Amino acid sequence: MNDSGFTEFSTLTVLLLLVAFYGGTYLLTLLIRKDKEDTSGFMVAGHHVGFGMGAASMTATWIWAASFYAAATSGYTYGVSGPIHYGLWGALMILFIYPFGRRFRKLAPNGHTLGELIHARHGASSQLILAGSNILGSVISLMVNFTAAGALVAVLSPLSFETGVIVAGVGVLAYTLTSGFRASVFTDFAQLVALMAVAVIIIPAVLFSAGGTEVMVDGLSLMTDQQASLFSMDAIMNQGAPFFVAVLAYAIGNQTISQRLFAVREKHIKSTFVTATIGYGAIVIGLGMIGLMALSVGMEPIDGNMNNLIPQMVSTYLSPFFVALFFILVIGSLSSTADSDLSALSTIMMADVYGKNIAKNNPNPKMMMLVGRITMIVATVAGLVFASFSLDILVMLVFVGALWGAIVFPVIVSCYWDRVTNAAFTWSVVVAMALFCVARFELLEMTGLTVLTFEALASVGGAVVIGMMVFGFFGRAAGIVAAAITLVAMLIFATGFLRDYMVLVASLTAYGASAVVCTVMTLTSNERFDFDLIKKRVGDYDQAAVEDDSAMIPEGAK
């Protein structure tokens, strides 16, 4: 034990654990390495990822470092319902995408990014808005995961925070650089097996070492009425509702999800994402229970840092062997997400930036591969540099979440409504982001007509969220009815009430404002778009290069 009460391994032990994990992962990628990697394989594994690999990859990607700490914090802060609000709505994020994902794949069966589809639908400005938000989000995610690795190494060993950050960054880059997305998917499967095995062992072990279910029941007396309630209004409004709103944005705006959507065989999309939903929810809710256990036994987080809760509980109640398993569990979870971020960033730069805007749909596959690998190296360096700073990660995540919230309606409606224009897409996002900033940071005094206006926009945003979800699963008529009912209910019950939860108001405003602006501008246009054009405009870059080379061969020599 060190002075803070944590189990502390020797420098040699931690280095051996890190080398064993990253060295083993790298050796796994050598099994699938090709002498000549093509762009389709590097970006989406040739669109041939099967059900098992796809579900495992989707689950492992979204169980990242924040899933551990945030789930435990939710359980510790909000009590009985905290882990459910974090894990359940996070799982819904995965489930939500598949009905729209089938539409995306139908429109662009040979696509690699959602940005390519939007480029084919609207042009460069709309596509670059989507690509820009993904780049920013993925770099921040890399920073968070590398930061978590550094903090874990610093807490459990004599090594410095910076050493942990560098080892994690170099380790992830080493195995992802070889085969890109195929390496990410392949290693995700192995990492998920480890995640599940360790989680199944550690969570019950902590519970029984702490005193079993009796301690949990007795701990109810230490909780407030809100913490002890399964239907806590405090948990719903401060954790559940904002997270529920956020999952819709993450499902549409994050390239790590859409990349797997384009990689999985089309017939397996539903089964893959439903299975990943169940797997994610079960594991993350279980991790959140460790925070609830800490609350039940009256444990105070060391230095007041909620991120210390899980390592503190594991160190307090389990042997060093289990702490070592926990160490591998966290390193595996953050690595599975970090390699997905690197693959997503490289794909965006290869397809959205180079393929569509620089090479103008006529890229050189070799140059494309070089762009992808350089992107991975640059992104890793950026993640390492940002992780070494004391940046306010929460503020940055709020901005990314708002940008993704602002693009949800324009992206989805552009794939179904042939009248949506590039101007409607672009201006709806710009206006939504501006109004989000006003609400989130209260740049205007939130009283009188001003706050009523934002509550009305937030009510529209709530209607958009519910309407879109129902539309995805049950069709347009059901979606419109659900949106109308939600709008009326919110205008009646939320007016005068939502202003006490400005974070939620701001997020819903992004949805509502983008929907209003996009709809109004679309209705003023008489343009019509032929959706069949998307399939023609989004293709396989390797095949295009082969056809171009074939075209240059004299007819008699073919």
Protein backbone atom coordinates (compact mmCIF):
# COMPACT_ATOMS: atom_id res chain seq x y z
CA MET A 1 0.00 0.00 0.00
CA ASN A 2 1.15 3.55 -0.70
CA ASP A 3 0.45 6.64 1.44
CA SER A 4 -2.97 7.10 -0.20
CA GLY A 5 -4.11 3.57 0.61
CA PHE A 6 -3.81 2.19 -2.92
CA THR A 7 -2.04 -1.06 -3.74
CA GLU A 8 1.22 -0.03 -5.37
CA PHE A 9 3.11 -2.29 -7.75
CA SER A 10 6.82 -2.04 -8.42
CA THR A 11 8.04 -0.33 -11.55
CA LEU A 12 9.10 -3.68 -12.99
CA THR A 13 5.67 -5.26 -12.36
CA VAL A 14 3.76 -2.43 -14.06
CA LEU A 15 6.13 -2.38 -17.03
CA LEU A 16 5.76 -6.15 -17.41
CA LEU A 17 1.95 -5.84 -17.32
CA LEU A 18 2.03 -3.08 -19.96
CA VAL A 19 4.51 -4.93 -22.18
CA ALA A 20 2.51 -8.14 -21.87
CA PHE A 21 -0.74 -6.41 -22.85
CA TYR A 22 0.51 -4.24 -25.70
CA GLY A 23 3.07 -6.80 -26.88
CA GLY A 24 0.42 -9.51 -26.96
CA THR A 25 -1.99 -7.22 -28.78
CA TYR A 26 0.65 -6.34 -31.37
CA LEU A 27 1.42 -10.01 -31.97
CA LEU A 28 -2.29 -10.63 -32.55
CA THR A 29 -2.36 -8.00 -35.29
CA LEU A 30 0.53 -9.72 -37.07
CA LEU A 31 -1.80 -12.68 -37.63
CA ILE A 32 -4.06 -10.58 -39.87
CA ARG A 33 -1.43 -8.35 -41.45
CA LYS A 34 -1.39 -8.28 -45.24
CA ASP A 35 1.72 -7.65 -47.34
CA LYS A 36 -0.30 -5.23 -49.43
CA GLU A 37 -3.12 -3.53 -47.50
CA ASP A 38 -5.88 -1.89 -49.59
CA THR A 39 -7.87 1.19 -48.61
CA SER A 40 -11.16 -0.65 -48.14
CA GLY A 41 -9.57 -3.15 -45.76
CA PHE A 42 -7.76 -0.39 -43.87
CA MET A 43 -10.91 1.73 -43.44
CA VAL A 44 -13.82 -0.74 -43.09
CA ALA A 45 -12.32 -4.25 -43.30
CA GLY A 46 -13.73 -4.64 -46.79
CA HIS A 47 -17.35 -4.37 -45.54
CA HIS A 48 -17.11 -8.03 -44.47
CA VAL A 49 -17.02 -7.95 -40.65
CA GLY A 50 -19.17 -10.77 -39.27
CA PHE A 51 -21.71 -10.79 -36.46
CA GLY A 52 -19.42 -11.96 -33.63
CA MET A 53 -16.51 -9.67 -34.42
CA GLY A 54 -18.82 -6.74 -35.11
CA ALA A 55 -20.76 -7.05 -31.85
CA ALA A 56 -17.57 -7.52 -29.82
CA SER A 57 -15.90 -4.53 -31.48
CA MET A 58 -18.91 -2.28 -30.95
CA THR A 59 -19.14 -3.25 -27.29
CA ALA A 60 -15.42 -2.92 -26.56
CA THR A 61 -15.18 0.42 -28.35
CA TRP A 62 -17.82 2.05 -26.18
CA ILE A 63 -16.62 0.63 -22.87
CA TRP A 64 -13.87 3.19 -22.53
CA ALA A 65 -12.05 4.75 -19.58
CA ALA A 66 -14.89 7.19 -18.90
CA SER A 67 -17.34 4.28 -18.68
CA PHE A 68 -15.51 3.06 -15.59
CA TYR A 69 -15.17 6.33 -13.76
CA ALA A 70 -18.40 8.00 -14.85
CA ALA A 71 -20.52 4.91 -14.15
CA ALA A 72 -19.04 4.57 -10.66
CA THR A 73 -19.45 8.30 -10.05
CA SER A 74 -23.09 8.06 -11.09
CA GLY A 75 -23.69 5.21 -8.65
CA TYR A 76 -21.92 7.05 -5.84
CA THR A 77 -23.65 10.39 -6.52
CA TYR A 78 -27.20 9.34 -7.37
CA GLY A 79 -27.46 6.04 -5.51
CA VAL A 80 -29.61 3.10 -6.54
CA SER A 81 -30.72 4.44 -9.92
CA GLY A 82 -27.38 6.01 -10.88
CA PRO A 83 -25.77 2.98 -12.61
CA ILE A 84 -29.00 2.28 -14.50
CA HIS A 85 -29.25 5.84 -15.83
CA TYR A 86 -25.65 5.71 -17.06
CA GLY A 87 -25.53 2.18 -18.48
CA LEU A 88 -29.05 1.90 -19.87
CA TRP A 89 -29.06 5.15 -21.84
CA GLY A 90 -25.51 4.52 -23.03
CA ALA A 91 -26.65 1.16 -24.36
CA LEU A 92 -29.56 2.88 -26.09
CA MET A 93 -27.01 4.88 -28.07
CA ILE A 94 -25.83 1.69 -29.74
CA LEU A 95 -29.34 0.36 -30.31
CA PHE A 96 -30.62 3.62 -31.79
CA ILE A 97 -28.28 3.71 -34.76
CA TYR A 98 -29.20 0.44 -36.43
CA PRO A 99 -32.56 1.38 -38.06
CA PHE A 100 -30.99 4.51 -39.53
CA GLY A 101 -27.83 2.57 -40.24
CA ARG A 102 -29.70 0.29 -42.59
CA ARG A 103 -30.87 3.37 -44.49
CA PHE A 104 -27.30 4.69 -44.67
CA ARG A 105 -26.03 1.37 -46.01
CA LYS A 106 -28.85 1.19 -48.56
CA LEU A 107 -27.96 4.64 -49.86
CA ALA A 108 -24.19 4.06 -49.84
CA PRO A 109 -23.43 0.29 -49.76
CA ASN A 110 -19.75 0.93 -50.53
CA GLY A 111 -19.37 3.86 -48.12
CA HIS A 112 -16.70 4.28 -45.47
CA THR A 113 -17.93 7.32 -43.54
CA LEU A 114 -21.21 9.11 -42.98
CA GLY A 115 -19.43 12.19 -44.29
CA GLU A 116 -19.10 10.59 -47.74
CA LEU A 117 -22.87 10.10 -47.85
CA ILE A 118 -23.48 13.72 -46.82
CA HIS A 119 -20.94 14.92 -49.41
CA ALA A 120 -22.81 13.01 -52.11
CA ARG A 121 -26.10 14.46 -50.82
CA HIS A 122 -25.13 18.09 -50.18
CA GLY A 123 -21.52 18.88 -51.04
CA ALA A 124 -18.36 19.92 -49.23
CA SER A 125 -19.59 22.39 -46.59
CA SER A 126 -22.08 20.03 -44.96
CA GLN A 127 -19.63 17.15 -45.16
CA LEU A 128 -16.81 19.13 -43.55
CA ILE A 129 -19.09 20.19 -40.68
CA LEU A 130 -19.70 16.52 -39.96
CA ALA A 131 -16.04 15.58 -40.46
CA GLY A 132 -14.84 18.47 -38.28
CA SER A 133 -17.05 17.46 -35.37
CA ASN A 134 -15.80 13.88 -35.63
CA ILE A 135 -12.16 14.93 -35.71
CA LEU A 136 -12.57 17.12 -32.64
CA GLY A 137 -14.51 14.45 -30.78
CA SER A 138 -12.02 11.68 -31.56
CA VAL A 139 -9.00 13.76 -30.53
CA ILE A 140 -10.71 14.61 -27.23
CA SER A 141 -11.52 10.93 -26.74
CA LEU A 142 -7.88 10.02 -27.33
CA MET A 143 -6.85 12.65 -24.80
CA VAL A 144 -9.27 11.31 -22.19
CA ASN A 145 -8.12 7.71 -22.64
CA PHE A 146 -4.42 8.55 -22.54
CA THR A 147 -5.05 10.72 -19.48
CA ALA A 148 -6.81 7.81 -17.76
CA ALA A 149 -3.86 5.53 -18.54
CA GLY A 150 -1.41 8.03 -17.10
CA ALA A 151 -3.49 8.53 -13.95
CA LEU A 152 -3.85 4.77 -13.42
CA VAL A 153 -0.12 4.16 -13.78
CA ALA A 154 0.67 7.06 -11.44
CA VAL A 155 -1.76 5.77 -8.78
CA LEU A 156 -0.70 2.11 -8.83
CA SER A 157 3.06 2.42 -9.40
CA PRO A 158 6.06 4.69 -8.78
CA LEU A 159 6.02 5.67 -12.46
CA SER A 160 4.95 9.18 -13.43
CA PHE A 161 1.72 10.25 -15.09
CA GLU A 162 3.63 11.21 -18.23
CA THR A 163 5.19 7.76 -18.50
CA GLY A 164 1.78 6.09 -18.41
CA VAL A 165 0.47 8.45 -21.09
CA ILE A 166 3.40 7.80 -23.42
CA VAL A 167 3.35 4.01 -23.01
CA ALA A 168 -0.40 3.87 -23.73
CA GLY A 169 -0.09 6.13 -26.77
CA VAL A 170 2.85 4.30 -28.32
CA GLY A 171 1.33 0.88 -27.52
CA VAL A 172 -1.99 1.66 -29.19
CA LEU A 173 -0.36 3.28 -32.21
CA ALA A 174 2.00 0.34 -32.74
CA TYR A 175 -0.70 -2.25 -33.33
CA THR A 176 -3.27 0.00 -35.02
CA LEU A 177 -0.79 1.36 -37.56
CA THR A 178 -0.30 -2.06 -39.12
CA SER A 179 -3.78 -2.83 -40.45
CA GLY A 180 -5.97 0.10 -39.40
CA PHE A 181 -9.59 -0.77 -38.77
CA ARG A 182 -9.06 -4.50 -39.27
CA ALA A 183 -6.51 -4.47 -36.45
CA SER A 184 -8.93 -2.50 -34.28
CA VAL A 185 -11.79 -4.96 -34.82
CA PHE A 186 -9.60 -8.02 -34.36
CA THR A 187 -8.04 -6.81 -31.12
CA ASP A 188 -11.41 -5.56 -29.85
CA PHE A 189 -12.64 -9.14 -29.80
CA ALA A 190 -9.76 -10.28 -27.60
CA GLN A 191 -10.04 -7.19 -25.39
CA LEU A 192 -13.76 -7.74 -24.86
CA VAL A 193 -13.19 -11.32 -23.79
CA ALA A 194 -10.71 -10.03 -21.21
CA LEU A 195 -13.09 -7.24 -20.18
CA MET A 196 -15.96 -9.62 -19.59
CA ALA A 197 -13.87 -12.22 -17.78
CA VAL A 198 -12.29 -9.70 -15.43
CA ALA A 199 -15.54 -7.80 -14.83
CA VAL A 200 -17.36 -11.03 -14.00
CA ILE A 201 -14.67 -11.80 -11.41
CA ILE A 202 -13.93 -8.37 -9.94
CA ILE A 203 -17.44 -6.97 -9.42
CA PRO A 204 -18.78 -9.92 -7.37
CA ALA A 205 -15.44 -10.20 -5.55
CA VAL A 206 -15.66 -6.58 -4.39
CA LEU A 207 -19.27 -7.09 -3.31
CA PHE A 208 -18.62 -10.17 -1.19
CA SER A 209 -15.36 -8.84 0.24
CA ALA A 210 -17.20 -5.69 1.32
CA GLY A 211 -19.78 -7.77 3.19
CA GLY A 212 -22.21 -9.00 0.56
CA THR A 213 -25.76 -7.93 -0.14
CA GLU A 214 -26.43 -7.29 3.56
CA VAL A 215 -24.01 -4.36 3.47
CA MET A 216 -25.85 -2.96 0.44
CA VAL A 217 -29.19 -3.20 2.24
CA ASP A 218 -27.79 -1.69 5.44
CA GLY A 219 -26.20 1.06 3.38
CA LEU A 220 -29.60 2.39 2.38
CA SER A 221 -29.69 4.11 5.76
CA LEU A 222 -26.63 6.16 4.75
CA MET A 223 -28.35 7.45 1.63
CA THR A 224 -30.67 10.38 1.12
CA ASP A 225 -34.24 9.72 0.07
CA GLN A 226 -33.34 10.56 -3.52
CA GLN A 227 -30.33 8.22 -3.52
CA ALA A 228 -32.37 5.36 -2.07
CA SER A 229 -35.14 5.74 -4.65
CA LEU A 230 -35.13 3.80 -7.90
CA PHE A 231 -37.17 6.64 -9.45
CA SER A 232 -35.10 9.54 -8.15
CA MET A 233 -36.09 12.83 -9.80
CA ASP A 234 -32.65 14.18 -8.97
CA ALA A 235 -31.01 11.33 -10.89
CA ILE A 236 -33.46 11.62 -13.80
CA MET A 237 -33.03 15.36 -14.37
CA ASN A 238 -29.29 15.63 -13.68
CA GLN A 239 -28.07 12.29 -15.06
CA GLY A 240 -30.72 10.36 -16.96
CA ALA A 241 -32.37 13.05 -19.08
CA PRO A 242 -29.16 14.83 -20.23
CA PHE A 243 -27.55 11.49 -21.01
CA PHE A 244 -30.64 10.25 -22.84
CA VAL A 245 -30.51 13.38 -25.02
CA ALA A 246 -26.78 12.96 -25.59
CA VAL A 247 -26.97 9.36 -26.81
CA LEU A 248 -28.88 10.37 -29.92
CA ALA A 249 -26.13 12.82 -30.83
CA TYR A 250 -23.37 10.30 -30.21
CA ALA A 251 -25.11 7.65 -32.28
CA ILE A 252 -25.21 9.90 -35.35
CA GLY A 253 -22.16 12.08 -34.86
CA ASN A 254 -19.45 9.61 -33.91
CA GLN A 255 -17.43 8.01 -36.69
CA THR A 256 -16.42 5.02 -34.54
CA ILE A 257 -20.07 3.90 -34.66
CA SER A 258 -20.75 4.70 -38.32
CA GLN A 259 -17.44 3.08 -39.30
CA ARG A 260 -18.61 -0.22 -37.82
CA LEU A 261 -21.96 0.32 -39.46
CA PHE A 262 -20.30 0.39 -42.87
CA ALA A 263 -17.92 -2.46 -41.97
CA VAL A 264 -20.42 -5.06 -40.73
CA ARG A 265 -22.12 -7.23 -43.34
CA GLU A 266 -25.43 -5.57 -44.12
CA LYS A 267 -27.51 -8.61 -43.11
CA HIS A 268 -25.89 -8.59 -39.65
CA ILE A 269 -26.45 -4.93 -38.78
CA LYS A 270 -29.49 -5.52 -36.56
CA SER A 271 -28.15 -8.55 -34.69
CA THR A 272 -24.75 -6.92 -34.23
CA PHE A 273 -26.05 -3.72 -32.69
CA VAL A 274 -28.73 -5.38 -30.56
CA THR A 275 -26.13 -7.75 -29.10
CA ALA A 276 -23.70 -4.87 -28.47
CA THR A 277 -26.50 -2.97 -26.71
CA ILE A 278 -27.05 -5.80 -24.25
CA GLY A 279 -23.33 -6.38 -23.68
CA TYR A 280 -22.54 -2.72 -23.08
CA GLY A 281 -25.47 -2.18 -20.74
CA ALA A 282 -24.70 -5.25 -18.61
CA ILE A 283 -20.99 -4.50 -18.15
CA VAL A 284 -21.31 -0.75 -17.55
CA ILE A 285 -24.23 -1.06 -15.12
CA GLY A 286 -22.11 -3.62 -13.28
CA LEU A 287 -19.20 -1.18 -13.10
CA GLY A 288 -21.55 1.49 -11.79
CA MET A 289 -22.49 -0.87 -8.96
CA ILE A 290 -18.97 -0.49 -7.56
CA GLY A 291 -19.74 3.21 -7.01
CA LEU A 292 -23.00 2.24 -5.33
CA MET A 293 -21.07 -0.17 -3.10
CA ALA A 294 -18.69 2.64 -2.13
CA LEU A 295 -21.69 4.77 -1.15
CA SER A 296 -23.21 1.88 0.83
CA VAL A 297 -20.08 1.30 2.93
CA GLY A 298 -19.57 5.02 3.51
CA MET A 299 -16.29 5.29 1.64
CA GLU A 300 -14.99 8.80 0.89
CA PRO A 301 -13.02 9.21 -2.37
CA ILE A 302 -9.40 10.08 -1.67
CA ASP A 303 -8.62 13.77 -2.33
CA GLY A 304 -12.30 14.20 -3.18
CA ASN A 305 -11.56 12.80 -6.67
CA MET A 306 -14.40 10.58 -7.89
CA ASN A 307 -12.02 8.89 -10.36
CA ASN A 308 -10.33 7.27 -7.35
CA LEU A 309 -13.48 5.36 -6.35
CA ILE A 310 -12.99 2.17 -8.38
CA PRO A 311 -9.21 1.73 -7.76
CA GLN A 312 -9.84 2.65 -4.12
CA MET A 313 -12.55 0.00 -3.71
CA VAL A 314 -10.50 -2.65 -5.53
CA SER A 315 -7.38 -1.86 -3.48
CA THR A 316 -9.31 -1.83 -0.20
CA TYR A 317 -11.19 -5.08 -0.59
CA LEU A 318 -9.17 -7.25 -2.97
CA SER A 319 -5.72 -8.79 -3.13
CA PRO A 320 -2.91 -7.47 -5.37
CA PHE A 321 -3.73 -10.21 -7.90
CA PHE A 322 -7.20 -8.77 -8.42
CA VAL A 323 -5.78 -5.25 -8.55
CA ALA A 324 -3.51 -6.42 -11.38
CA LEU A 325 -6.55 -7.82 -13.19
CA PHE A 326 -8.29 -4.48 -12.70
CA PHE A 327 -5.25 -2.71 -14.14
CA ILE A 328 -5.45 -4.85 -17.29
CA LEU A 329 -9.22 -4.28 -17.42
CA VAL A 330 -8.88 -0.49 -17.54
CA ILE A 331 -5.89 -0.54 -19.92
CA GLY A 332 -7.81 -2.86 -22.24
CA SER A 333 -10.94 -0.72 -22.18
CA LEU A 334 -9.18 2.54 -22.92
CA SER A 335 -7.01 0.93 -25.60
CA SER A 336 -10.00 -0.56 -27.43
CA THR A 337 -11.52 2.93 -27.67
CA ALA A 338 -8.26 4.68 -28.49
CA ASP A 339 -7.53 2.37 -31.43
CA SER A 340 -11.09 2.94 -32.69
CA ASP A 341 -10.52 6.70 -32.50
CA LEU A 342 -7.29 6.38 -34.50
CA SER A 343 -9.06 4.27 -37.12
CA ALA A 344 -11.95 6.73 -37.28
CA LEU A 345 -9.64 9.73 -37.66
CA SER A 346 -7.59 8.05 -40.37
CA THR A 347 -10.75 7.10 -42.29
CA ILE A 348 -12.12 10.65 -42.11
CA MET A 349 -8.87 12.10 -43.42
CA MET A 350 -8.55 9.42 -46.11
CA ALA A 351 -12.11 9.55 -47.42
CA ASP A 352 -13.69 12.85 -46.40
CA VAL A 353 -10.70 15.18 -46.64
CA TYR A 354 -8.31 13.61 -49.15
CA GLY A 355 -10.62 11.43 -51.25
CA LYS A 356 -13.52 13.84 -51.66
CA ASN A 357 -12.02 17.32 -51.33
CA ILE A 358 -8.36 17.12 -52.32
CA ALA A 359 -8.32 14.30 -54.89
CA LYS A 360 -11.86 15.17 -56.06
CA ASN A 361 -13.07 11.55 -56.12
CA ASN A 362 -9.98 10.36 -58.01
CA PRO A 363 -7.50 9.49 -55.24
CA ASN A 364 -4.30 7.51 -55.46
CA PRO A 365 -4.83 4.47 -53.16
CA LYS A 366 -1.16 4.45 -52.11
CA MET A 367 -1.31 8.13 -51.19
CA MET A 368 -4.59 7.45 -49.44
CA MET A 369 -2.97 4.78 -47.26
CA LEU A 370 -0.09 7.14 -46.49
CA VAL A 371 -2.56 9.84 -45.44
CA GLY A 372 -4.27 7.37 -43.11
CA ARG A 373 -1.08 6.26 -41.39
CA ILE A 374 0.28 9.80 -41.06
CA THR A 375 -3.05 10.81 -39.53
CA MET A 376 -2.70 8.09 -36.89
CA ILE A 377 0.78 9.27 -35.95
CA VAL A 378 -0.22 12.95 -35.80
CA ALA A 379 -3.40 12.16 -33.84
CA THR A 380 -1.44 10.10 -31.30
CA VAL A 381 1.07 12.90 -30.79
CA ALA A 382 -1.79 15.41 -30.41
CA GLY A 383 -3.53 13.14 -27.89
CA LEU A 384 -0.31 12.76 -25.89
CA VAL A 385 0.35 16.50 -25.89
CA PHE A 386 -3.20 17.43 -24.87
CA ALA A 387 -3.21 14.72 -22.20
CA SER A 388 -0.18 16.37 -20.59
CA PHE A 389 -2.11 19.64 -20.15
CA SER A 390 -4.59 20.44 -17.41
CA LEU A 391 -7.46 21.10 -19.81
CA ASP A 392 -11.11 21.27 -18.80
CA ILE A 393 -12.22 18.10 -20.56
CA LEU A 394 -15.84 18.53 -19.52
CA VAL A 395 -16.18 21.88 -21.28
CA MET A 396 -14.67 20.45 -24.46
CA LEU A 397 -16.94 17.42 -24.36
CA VAL A 398 -19.96 19.70 -23.91
CA PHE A 399 -19.06 21.56 -27.10
CA VAL A 400 -18.60 18.37 -29.09
CA GLY A 401 -21.86 16.95 -27.74
CA ALA A 402 -23.68 20.14 -28.70
CA LEU A 403 -22.25 20.09 -32.21
CA TRP A 404 -23.33 16.49 -32.64
CA GLY A 405 -26.76 17.36 -31.23
CA ALA A 406 -27.05 20.17 -33.75
CA ILE A 407 -26.36 17.86 -36.70
CA VAL A 408 -28.71 14.99 -35.78
CA PHE A 409 -31.87 16.34 -37.41
CA PRO A 410 -30.17 17.68 -40.58
CA VAL A 411 -28.23 14.42 -41.11
CA ILE A 412 -31.18 12.07 -40.66
CA VAL A 413 -33.75 14.14 -42.52
CA SER A 414 -31.30 14.58 -45.43
CA CYS A 415 -31.36 10.82 -45.92
CA TYR A 416 -35.16 10.67 -46.20
CA TRP A 417 -36.44 14.05 -47.45
CA ASP A 418 -35.43 14.96 -51.00
CA ARG A 419 -36.05 18.69 -50.53
CA VAL A 420 -33.36 19.40 -47.90
CA THR A 421 -30.69 21.71 -49.29
CA ASN A 422 -27.04 22.27 -48.47
CA ALA A 423 -27.88 25.77 -47.19
CA ALA A 424 -30.59 24.38 -44.90
CA PHE A 425 -28.13 21.82 -43.49
CA THR A 426 -25.31 24.32 -42.94
CA TRP A 427 -27.32 27.18 -41.45
CA SER A 428 -29.33 24.94 -39.17
CA VAL A 429 -26.12 23.68 -37.56
CA VAL A 430 -24.60 27.17 -37.26
CA VAL A 431 -27.72 28.69 -35.68
CA ALA A 432 -28.17 25.71 -33.33
CA MET A 433 -24.59 25.96 -32.09
CA ALA A 434 -24.91 29.71 -31.48
CA LEU A 435 -28.13 29.32 -29.48
CA PHE A 436 -26.63 26.42 -27.55
CA CYS A 437 -23.75 28.63 -26.41
CA VAL A 438 -26.17 31.36 -25.33
CA ALA A 439 -28.18 28.90 -23.24
CA ARG A 440 -25.32 26.80 -21.86
CA PHE A 441 -23.26 29.75 -20.65
CA GLU A 442 -26.26 32.04 -20.05
CA LEU A 443 -24.84 34.82 -22.22
CA LEU A 444 -28.26 36.46 -21.99
CA GLU A 445 -30.19 36.95 -18.78
CA MET A 446 -32.47 33.92 -18.58
CA THR A 447 -35.66 35.67 -17.52
CA GLY A 448 -38.95 36.72 -19.06
CA LEU A 449 -39.40 36.23 -22.81
CA THR A 450 -35.81 35.07 -23.29
CA VAL A 451 -36.05 32.02 -21.06
CA LEU A 452 -39.53 31.25 -22.41
CA THR A 453 -38.09 31.22 -25.95
CA PHE A 454 -35.36 28.79 -24.95
CA GLU A 455 -37.82 26.57 -23.09
CA ALA A 456 -39.97 26.48 -26.23
CA LEU A 457 -36.95 25.54 -28.38
CA ALA A 458 -36.00 22.91 -25.81
CA SER A 459 -39.53 21.53 -26.00
CA VAL A 460 -39.16 21.25 -29.78
CA GLY A 461 -35.82 19.55 -29.16
CA GLY A 462 -37.46 17.01 -26.86
CA ALA A 463 -40.05 16.32 -29.52
CA VAL A 464 -37.28 15.82 -32.10
CA VAL A 465 -35.45 13.32 -29.87
CA ILE A 466 -38.54 11.19 -29.17
CA GLY A 467 -39.91 11.58 -32.69
CA MET A 468 -36.65 10.51 -34.32
CA MET A 469 -36.31 7.45 -32.13
CA VAL A 470 -39.88 6.33 -32.76
CA PHE A 471 -39.53 7.11 -36.47
CA GLY A 472 -36.43 4.92 -36.70
CA PHE A 473 -38.18 1.87 -35.29
CA PHE A 474 -41.83 2.32 -36.25
CA GLY A 475 -41.98 4.62 -39.28
CA ARG A 476 -42.86 8.19 -40.22
CA ALA A 477 -46.50 8.28 -39.05
CA ALA A 478 -45.65 6.93 -35.60
CA GLY A 479 -42.70 9.31 -35.34
CA ILE A 480 -44.82 12.38 -36.16
CA VAL A 481 -47.49 11.36 -33.64
CA ALA A 482 -44.89 10.73 -30.92
CA ALA A 483 -43.20 14.08 -31.65
CA ALA A 484 -46.51 15.96 -31.54
CA ILE A 485 -47.53 14.38 -28.22
CA THR A 486 -44.10 15.08 -26.73
CA LEU A 487 -44.17 18.70 -27.91
CA VAL A 488 -47.59 19.39 -26.40
CA ALA A 489 -46.65 17.67 -23.12
CA MET A 490 -43.41 19.59 -22.81
CA LEU A 491 -44.95 22.94 -23.64
CA ILE A 492 -47.53 22.34 -20.90
CA PHE A 493 -45.40 20.78 -18.18
CA ALA A 494 -41.84 21.94 -18.93
CA THR A 495 -42.51 25.66 -19.33
CA GLY A 496 -41.34 27.32 -16.14
CA PHE A 497 -39.74 24.07 -14.97
CA LEU A 498 -36.89 23.39 -17.41
CA ARG A 499 -35.17 26.70 -16.61
CA ASP A 500 -33.87 25.12 -13.40
CA TYR A 501 -31.86 22.66 -15.53
CA MET A 502 -30.01 24.85 -18.02
CA VAL A 503 -27.56 22.14 -19.11
CA LEU A 504 -30.52 20.08 -20.30
CA VAL A 505 -32.18 23.15 -21.84
CA ALA A 506 -29.01 23.96 -23.79
CA SER A 507 -28.67 20.43 -25.19
CA LEU A 508 -32.32 20.26 -26.22
CA THR A 509 -32.05 23.74 -27.75
CA ALA A 510 -29.39 22.43 -30.16
CA TYR A 511 -31.84 19.80 -31.40
CA GLY A 512 -34.83 22.14 -31.52
CA ALA A 513 -33.12 25.06 -33.23
CA SER A 514 -31.52 22.91 -35.93
CA ALA A 515 -34.86 21.22 -36.63
CA VAL A 516 -36.76 24.52 -36.91
CA VAL A 517 -34.19 26.24 -39.15
CA CYS A 518 -33.65 23.17 -41.37
CA THR A 519 -37.40 22.62 -41.82
CA VAL A 520 -38.24 26.27 -42.56
CA MET A 521 -35.41 26.69 -45.08
CA THR A 522 -36.27 23.37 -46.74
CA LEU A 523 -39.93 24.32 -47.17
CA THR A 524 -38.89 27.50 -49.00
CA SER A 525 -36.98 25.41 -51.58
CA ASN A 526 -38.38 23.55 -54.56
CA GLU A 527 -35.27 21.46 -55.15
CA ARG A 528 -35.56 17.70 -55.49
CA PHE A 529 -32.74 15.19 -55.01
CA ASP A 530 -32.43 11.76 -56.58
CA PHE A 531 -31.19 9.45 -53.80
CA ASP A 532 -29.90 6.96 -56.37
CA LEU A 533 -27.09 9.41 -57.08
CA ILE A 534 -25.52 8.71 -53.68
CA LYS A 535 -24.75 5.10 -54.60
CA LYS A 536 -23.08 6.29 -57.81
CA ARG A 537 -21.06 8.99 -56.03
CA VAL A 538 -19.83 6.86 -53.11
CA GLY A 539 -17.71 3.92 -54.23
CA ASP A 540 -14.69 1.73 -53.59
CA TYR A 541 -11.47 3.69 -54.08
CA ASP A 542 -9.39 0.60 -54.87
CA GLN A 543 -11.85 -0.55 -57.53
CA ALA A 544 -11.91 2.95 -59.01
CA ALA A 545 -8.12 2.90 -59.26
CA VAL A 546 -8.17 -0.51 -60.98
CA GLU A 547 -10.74 0.72 -63.49
CA ASP A 548 -8.69 3.84 -64.18
CA ASP A 549 -5.56 1.74 -64.77
CA SER A 550 -7.53 -0.59 -67.03
CA ALA A 551 -8.81 2.34 -69.05
CA MET A 552 -5.23 3.37 -69.87
CA ILE A 553 -4.37 -0.05 -71.38
CA PRO A 554 -4.76 -0.16 -75.20
CA GLU A 555 -7.84 -2.13 -76.25
CA GLY A 556 -5.83 -4.70 -78.15
CA ALA A 557 -3.61 -5.41 -75.16
CA LYS A 558 -6.47 -6.12 -72.72
